[in-house]
Amino acid sequence: MNWKFYLGLGMQIFGLTAVGLCFFSGVKNGDYGQFELAQLVVGSFVFYVGNYLKGRSLG
């Protein structure tokens, strides 16, 4: 396995963590603000870019 695999895996973990923190912050506060929305969008984007990189490294 090469560096793209580990970079993709790290990006997936980071994205999943960001989305999870957004979810728990919204549940705790009872509402989602602009910061949580940005965290959701950026976290999802980083997760899917990581998924793409990880998939490309295996093929």
Protein backbone atom coordinates (compact mmCIF):
# COMPACT_ATOMS: atom_id res chain seq x y z
CA MET A 1 0.00 0.00 0.00
CA ASN A 2 1.20 3.45 -0.76
CA TRP A 3 0.85 6.90 0.72
CA LYS A 4 -2.46 7.59 -1.07
CA PHE A 5 -4.13 4.82 0.90
CA TYR A 6 -3.04 6.20 4.26
CA LEU A 7 -3.80 9.78 3.27
CA GLY A 8 -7.28 8.72 2.15
CA LEU A 9 -7.84 6.76 5.33
CA GLY A 10 -6.77 9.72 7.45
CA MET A 11 -9.07 12.04 5.51
CA GLN A 12 -11.96 9.64 6.01
CA ILE A 13 -11.37 9.50 9.75
CA PHE A 14 -11.09 13.29 9.95
CA GLY A 15 -14.29 13.78 7.91
CA LEU A 16 -16.24 11.26 9.93
CA THR A 17 -15.08 12.86 13.17
CA ALA A 18 -16.08 16.34 11.96
CA VAL A 19 -19.56 15.16 10.97
CA GLY A 20 -19.97 13.33 14.29
CA LEU A 21 -18.96 16.40 16.28
CA CYS A 22 -21.42 18.46 14.25
CA PHE A 23 -24.19 15.99 15.02
CA PHE A 24 -23.52 15.89 18.76
CA SER A 25 -23.16 19.67 18.96
CA GLY A 26 -26.53 20.12 17.28
CA VAL A 27 -28.19 17.60 19.57
CA LYS A 28 -26.69 19.24 22.66
CA ASN A 29 -27.70 22.78 21.65
CA GLY A 30 -31.00 21.83 20.07
CA ASP A 31 -30.18 23.76 16.90
CA TYR A 32 -27.59 23.86 14.16
CA GLY A 33 -25.77 27.13 13.52
CA GLN A 34 -23.58 28.30 10.69
CA PHE A 35 -20.49 26.73 12.24
CA GLU A 36 -22.14 23.31 12.42
CA LEU A 37 -23.34 23.63 8.84
CA ALA A 38 -19.84 24.49 7.64
CA GLN A 39 -18.43 21.63 9.70
CA LEU A 40 -20.93 19.23 8.12
CA VAL A 41 -20.17 20.35 4.57
CA VAL A 42 -16.38 20.38 4.99
CA GLY A 43 -16.40 17.07 6.88
CA SER A 44 -18.48 15.39 4.21
CA PHE A 45 -16.27 16.77 1.44
CA VAL A 46 -13.06 15.62 3.15
CA PHE A 47 -14.57 12.18 3.79
CA TYR A 48 -15.52 11.64 0.15
CA VAL A 49 -12.21 12.96 -1.19
CA GLY A 50 -10.48 10.54 1.17
CA ASN A 51 -12.74 7.75 -0.04
CA TYR A 52 -11.81 8.56 -3.63
CA LEU A 53 -8.07 8.61 -2.88
CA LYS A 54 -8.23 5.38 -0.92
CA GLY A 55 -10.16 3.67 -3.68
CA ARG A 56 -7.73 4.87 -6.36
CA SER A 57 -4.75 3.56 -4.41
CA LEU A 58 -6.13 0.01 -4.29
CA GLY A 59 -6.93 -0.30 -7.98
